[in-house]
């Protein structure tokens, strides 16, 4: 996210999710649902497969 200059608010807006949902994901307060992960992946322009592939770190997204 930092490489894109995105905040939690911006990711939430791009993904169609609330800022609190995004904050909870990063704070690991709860496990994300598949629809939540799909929304985040769409916001980043990647697939779920790419999200879970080896070598991807949060800094790369």
C-alpha atoms as a PDB file:
ATOM      1  CA  UNK A   1       0.000   0.000   0.000  1.00  0.00           C
ATOM      2  CA  UNK A   2       2.801   2.396   0.845  1.00  0.00           C
ATOM      3  CA  UNK A   3       4.213   2.148  -2.677  1.00  0.00           C
ATOM      4  CA  UNK A   4       0.850   3.260  -4.007  1.00  0.00           C
ATOM      5  CA  UNK A   5       0.575   6.001  -1.405  1.00  0.00           C
ATOM      6  CA  UNK A   6      -2.677   4.474  -0.151  1.00  0.00           C
ATOM      7  CA  UNK A   7      -4.049   4.768   3.362  1.00  0.00           C
ATOM      8  CA  UNK A   8      -6.458   2.323   4.977  1.00  0.00           C
ATOM      9  CA  UNK A   9      -9.212   4.758   4.040  1.00  0.00           C
ATOM     10  CA  UNK A  10      -8.172   4.774   0.370  1.00  0.00           C
ATOM     11  CA  UNK A  11      -7.965   0.976   0.201  1.00  0.00           C
ATOM     12  CA  UNK A  12     -11.400   0.724   1.800  1.00  0.00           C
ATOM     13  CA  UNK A  13     -12.809   3.168  -0.719  1.00  0.00           C
ATOM     14  CA  UNK A  14     -11.211   1.358  -3.682  1.00  0.00           C
ATOM     15  CA  UNK A  15     -12.358  -2.037  -2.361  1.00  0.00           C
ATOM     16  CA  UNK A  16     -15.836  -0.895  -1.356  1.00  0.00           C
ATOM     17  CA  UNK A  17     -15.151  -1.775   2.277  1.00  0.00           C
ATOM     18  CA  UNK A  18     -15.283   0.305   5.435  1.00  0.00           C
ATOM     19  CA  UNK A  19     -12.117   1.784   6.846  1.00  0.00           C
ATOM     20  CA  UNK A  20     -12.724  -0.173  10.045  1.00  0.00           C
ATOM     21  CA  UNK A  21     -12.801  -3.441   8.064  1.00  0.00           C
ATOM     22  CA  UNK A  22      -9.445  -2.606   6.503  1.00  0.00           C
ATOM     23  CA  UNK A  23      -7.985  -1.548   9.859  1.00  0.00           C
ATOM     24  CA  UNK A  24      -9.160  -4.814  11.432  1.00  0.00           C
ATOM     25  CA  UNK A  25      -7.461  -6.775   8.646  1.00  0.00           C
ATOM     26  CA  UNK A  26      -4.127  -5.063   9.203  1.00  0.00           C
ATOM     27  CA  UNK A  27      -4.413  -5.326  12.987  1.00  0.00           C
ATOM     28  CA  UNK A  28      -5.349  -8.998  12.599  1.00  0.00           C
ATOM     29  CA  UNK A  29      -8.419  -8.503  14.764  1.00  0.00           C
ATOM     30  CA  UNK A  30     -10.367 -11.018  12.726  1.00  0.00           C
ATOM     31  CA  UNK A  31      -9.936 -13.391   9.815  1.00  0.00           C
ATOM     32  CA  UNK A  32     -11.052 -11.925   6.493  1.00  0.00           C
ATOM     33  CA  UNK A  33     -13.860 -13.537   4.577  1.00  0.00           C
ATOM     34  CA  UNK A  34     -13.375 -14.654   0.980  1.00  0.00           C
ATOM     35  CA  UNK A  35     -15.577 -11.793  -0.308  1.00  0.00           C
ATOM     36  CA  UNK A  36     -13.454  -9.308   1.667  1.00  0.00           C
ATOM     37  CA  UNK A  37     -10.247 -10.753   0.218  1.00  0.00           C
ATOM     38  CA  UNK A  38     -11.749 -10.652  -3.275  1.00  0.00           C
ATOM     39  CA  UNK A  39     -12.644  -6.981  -2.829  1.00  0.00           C
ATOM     40  CA  UNK A  40      -9.125  -6.133  -1.651  1.00  0.00           C
ATOM     41  CA  UNK A  41      -7.625  -8.055  -4.569  1.00  0.00           C
ATOM     42  CA  UNK A  42      -9.865  -6.215  -7.047  1.00  0.00           C
ATOM     43  CA  UNK A  43      -8.735  -2.906  -5.558  1.00  0.00           C
ATOM     44  CA  UNK A  44      -5.100  -3.894  -6.110  1.00  0.00           C
ATOM     45  CA  UNK A  45      -5.804  -5.302  -9.561  1.00  0.00           C
ATOM     46  CA  UNK A  46      -4.719  -8.839  -8.695  1.00  0.00           C
ATOM     47  CA  UNK A  47      -6.369 -12.240  -8.388  1.00  0.00           C
ATOM     48  CA  UNK A  48      -6.769 -14.305  -5.238  1.00  0.00           C
ATOM     49  CA  UNK A  49      -4.251 -16.708  -6.736  1.00  0.00           C
ATOM     50  CA  UNK A  50      -1.700 -13.910  -7.070  1.00  0.00           C
ATOM     51  CA  UNK A  51      -2.457 -12.760  -3.531  1.00  0.00           C
ATOM     52  CA  UNK A  52      -1.617 -16.188  -2.130  1.00  0.00           C
ATOM     53  CA  UNK A  53       1.317 -16.977  -4.423  1.00  0.00           C
ATOM     54  CA  UNK A  54       4.806 -17.295  -2.999  1.00  0.00           C
ATOM     55  CA  UNK A  55       6.998 -14.245  -2.993  1.00  0.00           C
ATOM     56  CA  UNK A  56       4.259 -11.665  -2.553  1.00  0.00           C
ATOM     57  CA  UNK A  57       4.629  -9.660   0.600  1.00  0.00           C
ATOM     58  CA  UNK A  58       2.315  -6.900   1.789  1.00  0.00           C
ATOM     59  CA  UNK A  59       4.986  -4.358   0.802  1.00  0.00           C
ATOM     60  CA  UNK A  60       4.811  -5.579  -2.804  1.00  0.00           C
ATOM     61  CA  UNK A  61       1.077  -5.034  -2.985  1.00  0.00           C
END
